[in-house]
Amino acid sequence: MDSRTKRRLSDAELDALARRALGAGVAAATELTDGFANAVWRLRLDDGREVVLKLAPPPDLEQLSYERNLLRMEAAAYELAGKAGVPVATLLRAGFDDPVLGGDYLMLSALDGVSWNDVKPEDGGVLRRELGRHLARFNAVTGEVFGYPHAGIVGGTWREAFLAMAAALLGDTERYPTPLPRPPAQIMAVFEAAAPVLEEVTSPRLVHFDVWAGNVFLDLSGTPRIQAIIDHERAFWGDPLAEFVTPTLFGELEEDDPLLAGYREVTPLELTPSARVRLDLYRAYLYLILLVENGPRQYPESEYARVRDRSIASLGEVLDRLVGAVARPLG
């Protein structure tokens, strides 16, 4: 999807950046347009290598509070996830505050698989179970602080960090007026009232928080399998349970979901009543992101209208559930 945050480079600028980063020029370049925020190109270098360039928005362009230094978190996530045994692309070079272009970029090994968003393999349930195992390994990586350290939105506890994350996002609506089912202050009050369940989370875990089909590449050369999980830019340190929100976007996590079964093959996970409340907090947070992020990105109305309308309706439903959960004791 096109957005205002996607930075444009000329062929000459792409070539110069590749030479600085990897010591080879660009023989061919194709922009990849599936993403929503950062500009991405697939480059064939003149030494034969195929790589992917991911370029952050211009440093002078305002973004959401949590989006500061996104590619720095993504670079860290690639390295940490790879060490944990999660299939990811190889990070070849991370450039921060590039002296010529300004801003940050990543150079990654190109994948030869296909986006799960572009195909419908017959063994979808088997692949979803495999994805669950990979996400469990991703979430096994521990950190030192909760939240978004690269954006300065952190907390000593998960409750403190999550409320800071929600407050920052709702604060962004002052700069970017956003259609919401309730006023920002009321939404924050719902979060605060439900927040005691977050005290169950005591260890900061790496959470991707953007695992939709477009961010999963498949190898279909034989028995279908997951080749890599990509685009870790929305990652944070928090509750692994939040990982299930994006793969069940606009839906619910069911006990018979192969994703959950695969996750449990690696580590235990019980969907208690309080865990369900935590899931709803994270759903509400994601729906807020989908709504507020249109402010700096300015998506084409024809492409964004359906996502916006569904996010408003879904956010309203989840907020109502959270209000109801707070009003009754959890059992």
C-alpha atoms as a PDB file:
ATOM      1  CA  MET A   1       0.000   0.000   0.000  1.00  0.00           C
ATOM      2  CA  ASP A   2       1.246   3.470  -0.794  1.00  0.00           C
ATOM      3  CA  SER A   3       1.842   5.846   2.095  1.00  0.00           C
ATOM      4  CA  ARG A   4       3.452   9.218   2.725  1.00  0.00           C
ATOM      5  CA  THR A   5       6.131   7.622   4.903  1.00  0.00           C
ATOM      6  CA  LYS A   6       7.639   5.640   2.026  1.00  0.00           C
ATOM      7  CA  ARG A   7      10.807   7.348   0.915  1.00  0.00           C
ATOM      8  CA  ARG A   8      11.722   7.495  -2.760  1.00  0.00           C
ATOM      9  CA  LEU A   9      15.285   7.013  -4.067  1.00  0.00           C
ATOM     10  CA  SER A  10      16.579   7.420  -7.590  1.00  0.00           C
ATOM     11  CA  ASP A  11      18.501   4.649  -9.331  1.00  0.00           C
ATOM     12  CA  ALA A  12      21.702   6.581  -8.720  1.00  0.00           C
ATOM     13  CA  GLU A  13      20.957   6.922  -5.001  1.00  0.00           C
ATOM     14  CA  LEU A  14      20.173   3.204  -4.714  1.00  0.00           C
ATOM     15  CA  ASP A  15      23.433   2.362  -6.450  1.00  0.00           C
ATOM     16  CA  ALA A  16      25.472   4.667  -4.227  1.00  0.00           C
ATOM     17  CA  LEU A  17      23.881   3.286  -1.057  1.00  0.00           C
ATOM     18  CA  ALA A  18      24.519  -0.327  -2.100  1.00  0.00           C
ATOM     19  CA  ARG A  19      28.175   0.474  -2.811  1.00  0.00           C
ATOM     20  CA  ARG A  20      28.612   2.090   0.611  1.00  0.00           C
ATOM     21  CA  ALA A  21      26.809  -0.717   2.422  1.00  0.00           C
ATOM     22  CA  LEU A  22      27.901  -3.847   0.577  1.00  0.00           C
ATOM     23  CA  GLY A  23      30.682  -2.825  -1.790  1.00  0.00           C
ATOM     24  CA  ALA A  24      28.741  -3.602  -4.982  1.00  0.00           C
ATOM     25  CA  GLY A  25      26.593  -1.560  -7.339  1.00  0.00           C
ATOM     26  CA  VAL A  26      22.975  -2.161  -8.385  1.00  0.00           C
ATOM     27  CA  ALA A  27      22.317  -4.003 -11.640  1.00  0.00           C
ATOM     28  CA  ALA A  28      18.518  -4.033 -11.242  1.00  0.00           C
ATOM     29  CA  ALA A  29      16.041  -2.715  -8.686  1.00  0.00           C
ATOM     30  CA  THR A  30      12.378  -3.515  -8.056  1.00  0.00           C
ATOM     31  CA  GLU A  31      10.308  -1.754  -5.418  1.00  0.00           C
ATOM     32  CA  LEU A  32       8.280  -4.097  -3.201  1.00  0.00           C
ATOM     33  CA  THR A  33       4.950  -2.482  -2.379  1.00  0.00           C
ATOM     34  CA  ASP A  34       3.256  -4.898   0.058  1.00  0.00           C
ATOM     35  CA  GLY A  35       4.490  -3.086   3.159  1.00  0.00           C
ATOM     36  CA  PHE A  36       2.799  -0.122   4.790  1.00  0.00           C
ATOM     37  CA  ALA A  37       5.454   2.161   6.299  1.00  0.00           C
ATOM     38  CA  ASN A  38       9.032   1.745   5.081  1.00  0.00           C
ATOM     39  CA  ALA A  39      10.160   1.782   1.467  1.00  0.00           C
ATOM     40  CA  VAL A  40      11.542  -1.594   0.351  1.00  0.00           C
ATOM     41  CA  TRP A  41      13.459  -2.628  -2.766  1.00  0.00           C
ATOM     42  CA  ARG A  42      14.747  -5.942  -4.044  1.00  0.00           C
ATOM     43  CA  LEU A  43      18.172  -5.310  -5.547  1.00  0.00           C
ATOM     44  CA  ARG A  44      20.273  -7.448  -7.841  1.00  0.00           C
ATOM     45  CA  LEU A  45      23.855  -6.375  -7.304  1.00  0.00           C
ATOM     46  CA  ASP A  46      26.503  -6.375  -9.996  1.00  0.00           C
ATOM     47  CA  ASP A  47      28.354  -9.158  -8.138  1.00  0.00           C
ATOM     48  CA  GLY A  48      25.299 -11.434  -8.526  1.00  0.00           C
ATOM     49  CA  ARG A  49      23.885 -11.149  -5.008  1.00  0.00           C
ATOM     50  CA  GLU A  50      20.151 -10.618  -4.461  1.00  0.00           C
ATOM     51  CA  VAL A  51      19.405  -8.413  -1.464  1.00  0.00           C
ATOM     52  CA  VAL A  52      16.559  -6.434   0.039  1.00  0.00           C
ATOM     53  CA  LEU A  53      16.953  -2.804   1.079  1.00  0.00           C
ATOM     54  CA  LYS A  54      14.614  -1.433   3.729  1.00  0.00           C
ATOM     55  CA  LEU A  55      14.714   2.338   4.151  1.00  0.00           C
ATOM     56  CA  ALA A  56      13.190   4.255   7.049  1.00  0.00           C
ATOM     57  CA  PRO A  57      11.058   7.345   6.379  1.00  0.00           C
ATOM     58  CA  PRO A  58      12.846  10.704   6.108  1.00  0.00           C
ATOM     59  CA  PRO A  59      14.139  11.705   9.568  1.00  0.00           C
ATOM     60  CA  ASP A  60      12.247  15.006   9.434  1.00  0.00           C
ATOM     61  CA  LEU A  61       8.890  13.301   8.822  1.00  0.00           C
ATOM     62  CA  GLU A  62       6.736  13.052  11.934  1.00  0.00           C
ATOM     63  CA  GLN A  63       5.628   9.553  12.865  1.00  0.00           C
ATOM     64  CA  LEU A  64       3.814   7.920  15.739  1.00  0.00           C
ATOM     65  CA  SER A  65       5.596   7.991  19.083  1.00  0.00           C
ATOM     66  CA  TYR A  66       6.375   4.259  19.109  1.00  0.00           C
ATOM     67  CA  GLU A  67       7.730   4.421  15.551  1.00  0.00           C
ATOM     68  CA  ARG A  68      10.894   6.307  16.476  1.00  0.00           C
ATOM     69  CA  ASN A  69      13.952   4.279  15.436  1.00  0.00           C
ATOM     70  CA  LEU A  70      11.825   1.346  14.253  1.00  0.00           C
ATOM     71  CA  LEU A  71      14.556  -0.143  12.095  1.00  0.00           C
ATOM     72  CA  ARG A  72      16.927  -0.255  15.067  1.00  0.00           C
ATOM     73  CA  MET A  73      14.509  -2.499  16.921  1.00  0.00           C
ATOM     74  CA  GLU A  74      14.049  -4.560  13.771  1.00  0.00           C
ATOM     75  CA  ALA A  75      17.794  -5.035  13.345  1.00  0.00           C
ATOM     76  CA  ALA A  76      18.065  -6.271  16.923  1.00  0.00           C
ATOM     77  CA  ALA A  77      15.086  -8.589  16.426  1.00  0.00           C
ATOM     78  CA  TYR A  78      16.610 -10.195  13.322  1.00  0.00           C
ATOM     79  CA  GLU A  79      19.789 -11.044  15.179  1.00  0.00           C
ATOM     80  CA  LEU A  80      18.074 -12.245  18.371  1.00  0.00           C
ATOM     81  CA  ALA A  81      15.444 -14.309  16.544  1.00  0.00           C
ATOM     82  CA  GLY A  82      18.033 -15.935  14.302  1.00  0.00           C
ATOM     83  CA  LYS A  83      20.075 -17.015  17.319  1.00  0.00           C
ATOM     84  CA  ALA A  84      16.920 -18.479  18.866  1.00  0.00           C
ATOM     85  CA  GLY A  85      16.389 -20.739  15.856  1.00  0.00           C
ATOM     86  CA  VAL A  86      13.610 -18.751  14.206  1.00  0.00           C
ATOM     87  CA  PRO A  87      13.861 -18.720  10.383  1.00  0.00           C
ATOM     88  CA  VAL A  88      14.582 -15.139   9.311  1.00  0.00           C
ATOM     89  CA  ALA A  89      16.412 -13.379   6.507  1.00  0.00           C
ATOM     90  CA  THR A  90      20.101 -12.692   7.141  1.00  0.00           C
ATOM     91  CA  LEU A  91      20.870  -9.139   8.222  1.00  0.00           C
ATOM     92  CA  LEU A  92      23.798  -8.090   6.025  1.00  0.00           C
ATOM     93  CA  ARG A  93      24.185  -4.492   7.125  1.00  0.00           C
ATOM     94  CA  ALA A  94      22.372  -2.057   9.391  1.00  0.00           C
ATOM     95  CA  GLY A  95      23.069   1.599   8.729  1.00  0.00           C
ATOM     96  CA  PHE A  96      21.895   4.161  11.248  1.00  0.00           C
ATOM     97  CA  ASP A  97      21.909   7.916  10.572  1.00  0.00           C
ATOM     98  CA  ASP A  98      23.438   7.360   7.136  1.00  0.00           C
ATOM     99  CA  PRO A  99      25.673  10.389   6.502  1.00  0.00           C
ATOM    100  CA  VAL A 100      24.603  10.816   2.861  1.00  0.00           C
ATOM    101  CA  LEU A 101      20.887  10.067   2.816  1.00  0.00           C
ATOM    102  CA  GLY A 102      20.151  10.600   6.508  1.00  0.00           C
ATOM    103  CA  GLY A 103      18.015   8.147   8.436  1.00  0.00           C
ATOM    104  CA  ASP A 104      18.337   4.397   8.874  1.00  0.00           C
ATOM    105  CA  TYR A 105      18.393   1.426   6.527  1.00  0.00           C
ATOM    106  CA  LEU A 106      18.753  -2.356   6.587  1.00  0.00           C
ATOM    107  CA  MET A 107      20.306  -4.610   3.957  1.00  0.00           C
ATOM    108  CA  LEU A 108      18.968  -8.169   4.118  1.00  0.00           C
ATOM    109  CA  SER A 109      19.485 -11.355   2.161  1.00  0.00           C
ATOM    110  CA  ALA A 110      16.702 -11.786  -0.414  1.00  0.00           C
ATOM    111  CA  LEU A 111      14.341 -14.731   0.011  1.00  0.00           C
ATOM    112  CA  ASP A 112      13.480 -17.050  -2.864  1.00  0.00           C
ATOM    113  CA  GLY A 113      10.180 -18.196  -1.365  1.00  0.00           C
ATOM    114  CA  VAL A 114       6.725 -16.679  -1.742  1.00  0.00           C
ATOM    115  CA  SER A 115       4.606 -14.599   0.598  1.00  0.00           C
ATOM    116  CA  TRP A 116       1.902 -16.633   2.321  1.00  0.00           C
ATOM    117  CA  ASN A 117      -0.397 -13.747   1.430  1.00  0.00           C
ATOM    118  CA  ASP A 118      -0.007 -14.579  -2.272  1.00  0.00           C
ATOM    119  CA  VAL A 119      -0.756 -18.327  -2.170  1.00  0.00           C
ATOM    120  CA  LYS A 120      -3.164 -20.756  -0.524  1.00  0.00           C
ATOM    121  CA  PRO A 121      -1.246 -23.992   0.099  1.00  0.00           C
ATOM    122  CA  GLU A 122      -3.264 -27.115   0.805  1.00  0.00           C
ATOM    123  CA  ASP A 123      -1.549 -27.783   4.128  1.00  0.00           C
ATOM    124  CA  GLY A 124      -2.545 -24.472   5.698  1.00  0.00           C
ATOM    125  CA  GLY A 125      -3.204 -26.051   9.091  1.00  0.00           C
ATOM    126  CA  VAL A 126       0.179 -27.785   9.130  1.00  0.00           C
ATOM    127  CA  LEU A 127       1.920 -24.537   8.246  1.00  0.00           C
ATOM    128  CA  ARG A 128      -0.008 -22.654  10.899  1.00  0.00           C
ATOM    129  CA  ARG A 129       1.119 -25.224  13.460  1.00  0.00           C
ATOM    130  CA  GLU A 130       4.723 -24.776  12.297  1.00  0.00           C
ATOM    131  CA  LEU A 131       4.297 -21.016  12.638  1.00  0.00           C
ATOM    132  CA  GLY A 132       3.164 -21.509  16.238  1.00  0.00           C
ATOM    133  CA  ARG A 133       6.398 -23.349  17.036  1.00  0.00           C
ATOM    134  CA  HIS A 134       8.479 -20.574  15.488  1.00  0.00           C
ATOM    135  CA  LEU A 135       6.595 -17.885  17.425  1.00  0.00           C
ATOM    136  CA  ALA A 136       7.166 -19.750  20.681  1.00  0.00           C
ATOM    137  CA  ARG A 137      10.913 -19.675  19.996  1.00  0.00           C
ATOM    138  CA  PHE A 138      10.712 -15.986  19.050  1.00  0.00           C
ATOM    139  CA  ASN A 139       8.921 -15.226  22.320  1.00  0.00           C
ATOM    140  CA  ALA A 140      11.473 -17.232  24.328  1.00  0.00           C
ATOM    141  CA  VAL A 141      14.013 -14.412  23.808  1.00  0.00           C
ATOM    142  CA  THR A 142      14.167 -12.310  26.970  1.00  0.00           C
ATOM    143  CA  GLY A 143      15.082  -8.660  27.419  1.00  0.00           C
ATOM    144  CA  GLU A 144      15.974  -6.264  30.197  1.00  0.00           C
ATOM    145  CA  VAL A 145      13.068  -3.813  30.029  1.00  0.00           C
ATOM    146  CA  PHE A 146       9.446  -3.805  28.922  1.00  0.00           C
ATOM    147  CA  GLY A 147       8.147  -1.743  26.008  1.00  0.00           C
ATOM    148  CA  TYR A 148       9.896   0.023  23.132  1.00  0.00           C
ATOM    149  CA  PRO A 149      13.418   0.881  24.317  1.00  0.00           C
ATOM    150  CA  HIS A 150      14.397   2.366  20.940  1.00  0.00           C
ATOM    151  CA  ALA A 151      11.493   4.798  21.183  1.00  0.00           C
ATOM    152  CA  GLY A 152      11.973   5.551  24.866  1.00  0.00           C
ATOM    153  CA  ILE A 153       8.572   4.115  25.818  1.00  0.00           C
ATOM    154  CA  VAL A 154       9.420   1.652  28.568  1.00  0.00           C
ATOM    155  CA  GLY A 155       8.504   0.478  32.034  1.00  0.00           C
ATOM    156  CA  GLY A 156       9.946  -1.512  34.892  1.00  0.00           C
ATOM    157  CA  THR A 157       6.838  -3.711  34.850  1.00  0.00           C
ATOM    158  CA  TRP A 158       4.679  -4.856  31.951  1.00  0.00           C
ATOM    159  CA  ARG A 159       1.688  -3.040  33.412  1.00  0.00           C
ATOM    160  CA  GLU A 160       3.652   0.209  33.537  1.00  0.00           C
ATOM    161  CA  ALA A 161       5.075  -0.243  30.038  1.00  0.00           C
ATOM    162  CA  PHE A 162       1.798  -1.221  28.372  1.00  0.00           C
ATOM    163  CA  LEU A 163      -0.035   1.744  29.870  1.00  0.00           C
ATOM    164  CA  ALA A 164       2.794   3.996  28.665  1.00  0.00           C
ATOM    165  CA  MET A 165       2.516   2.452  25.179  1.00  0.00           C
ATOM    166  CA  ALA A 166      -1.254   3.012  25.128  1.00  0.00           C
ATOM    167  CA  ALA A 167      -0.922   6.555  26.473  1.00  0.00           C
ATOM    168  CA  ALA A 168       1.668   7.427  23.816  1.00  0.00           C
ATOM    169  CA  LEU A 169      -0.555   6.096  21.033  1.00  0.00           C
ATOM    170  CA  LEU A 170      -3.631   7.899  22.314  1.00  0.00           C
ATOM    171  CA  GLY A 171      -1.500  11.017  22.759  1.00  0.00           C
ATOM    172  CA  ASP A 172      -0.668  10.830  19.070  1.00  0.00           C
ATOM    173  CA  THR A 173      -4.343  11.506  18.312  1.00  0.00           C
ATOM    174  CA  GLU A 174      -3.740  15.099  19.423  1.00  0.00           C
ATOM    175  CA  ARG A 175      -1.450  15.514  16.399  1.00  0.00           C
ATOM    176  CA  TYR A 176      -3.459  13.218  14.155  1.00  0.00           C
ATOM    177  CA  PRO A 177      -7.227  13.456  14.798  1.00  0.00           C
ATOM    178  CA  THR A 178      -8.510   9.910  14.504  1.00  0.00           C
ATOM    179  CA  PRO A 179     -12.024   8.419  14.295  1.00  0.00           C
ATOM    180  CA  LEU A 180     -12.500   6.347  17.453  1.00  0.00           C
ATOM    181  CA  PRO A 181     -15.521   4.613  19.011  1.00  0.00           C
ATOM    182  CA  ARG A 182     -14.871   6.399  22.333  1.00  0.00           C
ATOM    183  CA  PRO A 183     -12.936   9.549  23.287  1.00  0.00           C
ATOM    184  CA  PRO A 184      -9.226   8.923  23.972  1.00  0.00           C
ATOM    185  CA  ALA A 185      -9.577   9.654  27.703  1.00  0.00           C
ATOM    186  CA  GLN A 186     -12.340   7.057  28.028  1.00  0.00           C
ATOM    187  CA  ILE A 187     -10.291   4.459  26.143  1.00  0.00           C
ATOM    188  CA  MET A 188      -7.331   5.087  28.431  1.00  0.00           C
ATOM    189  CA  ALA A 189      -9.608   4.688  31.437  1.00  0.00           C
ATOM    190  CA  VAL A 190     -10.711   1.271  30.140  1.00  0.00           C
ATOM    191  CA  PHE A 191      -7.067   0.222  29.750  1.00  0.00           C
ATOM    192  CA  GLU A 192      -6.211   1.391  33.255  1.00  0.00           C
ATOM    193  CA  ALA A 193      -9.178  -0.386  34.807  1.00  0.00           C
ATOM    194  CA  ALA A 194      -8.262  -3.703  33.147  1.00  0.00           C
ATOM    195  CA  ALA A 195      -4.504  -3.315  33.715  1.00  0.00           C
ATOM    196  CA  PRO A 196      -4.186  -5.405  36.921  1.00  0.00           C
ATOM    197  CA  VAL A 197      -4.207  -8.595  34.804  1.00  0.00           C
ATOM    198  CA  LEU A 198      -0.942  -7.430  33.235  1.00  0.00           C
ATOM    199  CA  GLU A 199       0.841  -8.047  36.524  1.00  0.00           C
ATOM    200  CA  GLU A 200       0.826 -11.750  35.643  1.00  0.00           C
ATOM    201  CA  VAL A 201       3.609 -10.981  33.131  1.00  0.00           C
ATOM    202  CA  THR A 202       6.949 -10.793  34.918  1.00  0.00           C
ATOM    203  CA  SER A 203       9.591 -11.274  32.194  1.00  0.00           C
ATOM    204  CA  PRO A 204      10.102  -9.063  29.099  1.00  0.00           C
ATOM    205  CA  ARG A 205       9.776 -11.318  26.050  1.00  0.00           C
ATOM    206  CA  LEU A 206      10.408 -10.464  22.414  1.00  0.00           C
ATOM    207  CA  VAL A 207       7.062 -10.026  20.633  1.00  0.00           C
ATOM    208  CA  HIS A 208       6.863  -9.571  16.844  1.00  0.00           C
ATOM    209  CA  PHE A 209       3.274  -8.212  16.926  1.00  0.00           C
ATOM    210  CA  ASP A 210       2.885  -8.139  13.147  1.00  0.00           C
ATOM    211  CA  VAL A 211       2.723 -11.775  12.067  1.00  0.00           C
ATOM    212  CA  TRP A 212       0.154 -11.645   9.273  1.00  0.00           C
ATOM    213  CA  ALA A 213       0.356 -13.725   6.090  1.00  0.00           C
ATOM    214  CA  GLY A 214       2.296 -11.041   4.226  1.00  0.00           C
ATOM    215  CA  ASN A 215       5.125 -11.260   6.751  1.00  0.00           C
ATOM    216  CA  VAL A 216       5.566 -15.021   6.438  1.00  0.00           C
ATOM    217  CA  PHE A 217       7.496 -16.461   3.472  1.00  0.00           C
ATOM    218  CA  LEU A 218       6.954 -20.046   2.351  1.00  0.00           C
ATOM    219  CA  ASP A 219       9.227 -22.517   0.611  1.00  0.00           C
ATOM    220  CA  LEU A 220       7.042 -24.412  -1.863  1.00  0.00           C
ATOM    221  CA  SER A 221       9.863 -26.267  -3.629  1.00  0.00           C
ATOM    222  CA  GLY A 222       8.853 -29.494  -1.859  1.00  0.00           C
ATOM    223  CA  THR A 223       6.574 -30.090   1.089  1.00  0.00           C
ATOM    224  CA  PRO A 224       5.413 -26.556   1.982  1.00  0.00           C
ATOM    225  CA  ARG A 225       7.270 -25.102   4.947  1.00  0.00           C
ATOM    226  CA  ILE A 226       7.943 -21.699   6.431  1.00  0.00           C
ATOM    227  CA  GLN A 227      11.095 -20.167   4.985  1.00  0.00           C
ATOM    228  CA  ALA A 228      11.223 -16.981   7.055  1.00  0.00           C
ATOM    229  CA  ILE A 229       9.325 -14.526   9.215  1.00  0.00           C
ATOM    230  CA  ILE A 230      10.056 -10.954   8.158  1.00  0.00           C
ATOM    231  CA  ASP A 231       9.316  -7.321   9.086  1.00  0.00           C
ATOM    232  CA  HIS A 232      10.082  -7.162  12.810  1.00  0.00           C
ATOM    233  CA  GLU A 233       9.727  -3.380  12.948  1.00  0.00           C
ATOM    234  CA  ARG A 234       6.695  -3.402  15.270  1.00  0.00           C
ATOM    235  CA  ALA A 235       8.425  -5.666  17.798  1.00  0.00           C
ATOM    236  CA  PHE A 236       8.451  -4.838  21.493  1.00  0.00           C
ATOM    237  CA  TRP A 237       9.406  -6.429  24.808  1.00  0.00           C
ATOM    238  CA  GLY A 238       6.321  -7.645  26.604  1.00  0.00           C
ATOM    239  CA  ASP A 239       3.759 -10.415  26.947  1.00  0.00           C
ATOM    240  CA  PRO A 240       4.073 -13.378  24.504  1.00  0.00           C
ATOM    241  CA  LEU A 241       0.276 -13.650  24.536  1.00  0.00           C
ATOM    242  CA  ALA A 242       0.184 -10.486  22.409  1.00  0.00           C
ATOM    243  CA  GLU A 243       1.721 -12.523  19.581  1.00  0.00           C
ATOM    244  CA  PHE A 244      -1.628 -14.170  18.864  1.00  0.00           C
ATOM    245  CA  VAL A 245      -3.456 -10.931  18.078  1.00  0.00           C
ATOM    246  CA  THR A 246      -2.267 -10.256  14.536  1.00  0.00           C
ATOM    247  CA  PRO A 247      -2.590 -13.860  13.273  1.00  0.00           C
ATOM    248  CA  THR A 248      -6.243 -13.758  14.423  1.00  0.00           C
ATOM    249  CA  LEU A 249      -6.923 -10.156  13.344  1.00  0.00           C
ATOM    250  CA  PHE A 250     -10.625  -9.226  13.546  1.00  0.00           C
ATOM    251  CA  GLY A 251     -11.297 -12.649  15.047  1.00  0.00           C
ATOM    252  CA  GLU A 252     -10.652 -14.661  18.188  1.00  0.00           C
ATOM    253  CA  LEU A 253      -8.045 -17.179  19.297  1.00  0.00           C
ATOM    254  CA  GLU A 254      -9.769 -20.555  19.506  1.00  0.00           C
ATOM    255  CA  GLU A 255      -8.544 -23.564  21.466  1.00  0.00           C
ATOM    256  CA  ASP A 256      -8.491 -25.708  18.300  1.00  0.00           C
ATOM    257  CA  ASP A 257      -6.326 -23.253  16.330  1.00  0.00           C
ATOM    258  CA  PRO A 258      -3.267 -25.120  14.937  1.00  0.00           C
ATOM    259  CA  LEU A 259      -1.229 -22.006  15.735  1.00  0.00           C
ATOM    260  CA  LEU A 260      -1.908 -22.536  19.433  1.00  0.00           C
ATOM    261  CA  ALA A 261      -1.213 -26.260  19.174  1.00  0.00           C
ATOM    262  CA  GLY A 262       2.180 -25.627  17.595  1.00  0.00           C
ATOM    263  CA  TYR A 263       3.040 -23.028  20.211  1.00  0.00           C
ATOM    264  CA  ARG A 264       2.223 -25.492  22.973  1.00  0.00           C
ATOM    265  CA  GLU A 265       4.575 -28.057  21.442  1.00  0.00           C
ATOM    266  CA  VAL A 266       7.407 -25.736  22.492  1.00  0.00           C
ATOM    267  CA  THR A 267       6.100 -24.129  25.682  1.00  0.00           C
ATOM    268  CA  PRO A 268       2.957 -24.340  27.869  1.00  0.00           C
ATOM    269  CA  LEU A 269       0.249 -21.731  27.371  1.00  0.00           C
ATOM    270  CA  GLU A 270      -3.120 -21.687  29.110  1.00  0.00           C
ATOM    271  CA  LEU A 271      -5.977 -19.436  28.019  1.00  0.00           C
ATOM    272  CA  THR A 272      -7.318 -18.562  31.453  1.00  0.00           C
ATOM    273  CA  PRO A 273     -10.049 -15.927  31.917  1.00  0.00           C
ATOM    274  CA  SER A 274      -7.409 -13.348  32.853  1.00  0.00           C
ATOM    275  CA  ALA A 275      -5.351 -14.320  29.781  1.00  0.00           C
ATOM    276  CA  ARG A 276      -8.424 -13.615  27.650  1.00  0.00           C
ATOM    277  CA  VAL A 277      -8.611 -10.133  29.180  1.00  0.00           C
ATOM    278  CA  ARG A 278      -4.952  -9.564  28.371  1.00  0.00           C
ATOM    279  CA  LEU A 279      -5.625 -10.653  24.794  1.00  0.00           C
ATOM    280  CA  ASP A 280      -8.424  -8.101  24.545  1.00  0.00           C
ATOM    281  CA  LEU A 281      -6.121  -5.350  25.813  1.00  0.00           C
ATOM    282  CA  TYR A 282      -3.656  -6.209  23.065  1.00  0.00           C
ATOM    283  CA  ARG A 283      -6.411  -6.415  20.449  1.00  0.00           C
ATOM    284  CA  ALA A 284      -7.593  -2.955  21.430  1.00  0.00           C
ATOM    285  CA  TYR A 285      -4.031  -1.668  21.210  1.00  0.00           C
ATOM    286  CA  LEU A 286      -3.546  -3.107  17.713  1.00  0.00           C
ATOM    287  CA  TYR A 287      -6.843  -1.694  16.449  1.00  0.00           C
ATOM    288  CA  LEU A 288      -5.742   1.693  17.779  1.00  0.00           C
ATOM    289  CA  ILE A 289      -2.495   1.399  15.825  1.00  0.00           C
ATOM    290  CA  LEU A 290      -4.396   0.580  12.637  1.00  0.00           C
ATOM    291  CA  LEU A 291      -6.493   3.706  13.125  1.00  0.00           C
ATOM    292  CA  VAL A 292      -3.951   6.238  14.390  1.00  0.00           C
ATOM    293  CA  GLU A 293      -1.194   5.300  11.933  1.00  0.00           C
ATOM    294  CA  ASN A 294      -3.187   6.703   9.034  1.00  0.00           C
ATOM    295  CA  GLY A 295      -2.371  10.167  10.393  1.00  0.00           C
ATOM    296  CA  PRO A 296       1.293  10.268   9.343  1.00  0.00           C
ATOM    297  CA  ARG A 297       0.953   7.726   6.529  1.00  0.00           C
ATOM    298  CA  GLN A 298      -2.125   9.084   4.732  1.00  0.00           C
ATOM    299  CA  TYR A 299      -3.170   5.866   3.010  1.00  0.00           C
ATOM    300  CA  PRO A 300      -5.227   6.064  -0.197  1.00  0.00           C
ATOM    301  CA  GLU A 301      -8.870   6.221   0.900  1.00  0.00           C
ATOM    302  CA  SER A 302      -9.949   3.504  -1.529  1.00  0.00           C
ATOM    303  CA  GLU A 303      -7.473   1.048   0.024  1.00  0.00           C
ATOM    304  CA  TYR A 304      -7.792   2.089   3.658  1.00  0.00           C
ATOM    305  CA  ALA A 305     -11.544   2.583   4.128  1.00  0.00           C
ATOM    306  CA  ARG A 306     -12.342  -1.080   4.791  1.00  0.00           C
ATOM    307  CA  VAL A 307      -9.513  -1.473   7.331  1.00  0.00           C
ATOM    308  CA  ARG A 308     -10.537   1.749   9.095  1.00  0.00           C
ATOM    309  CA  ASP A 309     -14.226   0.861   9.331  1.00  0.00           C
ATOM    310  CA  ARG A 310     -13.551  -2.662  10.554  1.00  0.00           C
ATOM    311  CA  SER A 311     -10.981  -1.435  13.084  1.00  0.00           C
ATOM    312  CA  ILE A 312     -13.427   1.105  14.542  1.00  0.00           C
ATOM    313  CA  ALA A 313     -16.138  -1.533  14.914  1.00  0.00           C
ATOM    314  CA  SER A 314     -13.773  -4.143  16.346  1.00  0.00           C
ATOM    315  CA  LEU A 315     -12.202  -1.678  18.783  1.00  0.00           C
ATOM    316  CA  GLY A 316     -15.647  -0.738  20.052  1.00  0.00           C
ATOM    317  CA  GLU A 317     -16.552  -4.392  20.620  1.00  0.00           C
ATOM    318  CA  VAL A 318     -13.309  -5.152  22.463  1.00  0.00           C
ATOM    319  CA  LEU A 319     -13.611  -2.070  24.678  1.00  0.00           C
ATOM    320  CA  ASP A 320     -17.141  -3.137  25.624  1.00  0.00           C
ATOM    321  CA  ARG A 321     -15.840  -6.607  26.531  1.00  0.00           C
ATOM    322  CA  LEU A 322     -13.081  -5.108  28.665  1.00  0.00           C
ATOM    323  CA  VAL A 323     -15.586  -2.955  30.535  1.00  0.00           C
ATOM    324  CA  GLY A 324     -17.660  -6.055  31.181  1.00  0.00           C
ATOM    325  CA  ALA A 325     -14.627  -8.052  32.336  1.00  0.00           C
ATOM    326  CA  VAL A 326     -13.664  -5.379  34.844  1.00  0.00           C
ATOM    327  CA  ALA A 327     -17.218  -5.288  36.186  1.00  0.00           C
ATOM    328  CA  ARG A 328     -17.244  -9.010  37.041  1.00  0.00           C
ATOM    329  CA  PRO A 329     -14.706 -11.055  39.016  1.00  0.00           C
ATOM    330  CA  LEU A 330     -12.430 -13.303  36.990  1.00  0.00           C
ATOM    331  CA  GLY A 331     -12.802 -16.974  37.715  1.00  0.00           C
END
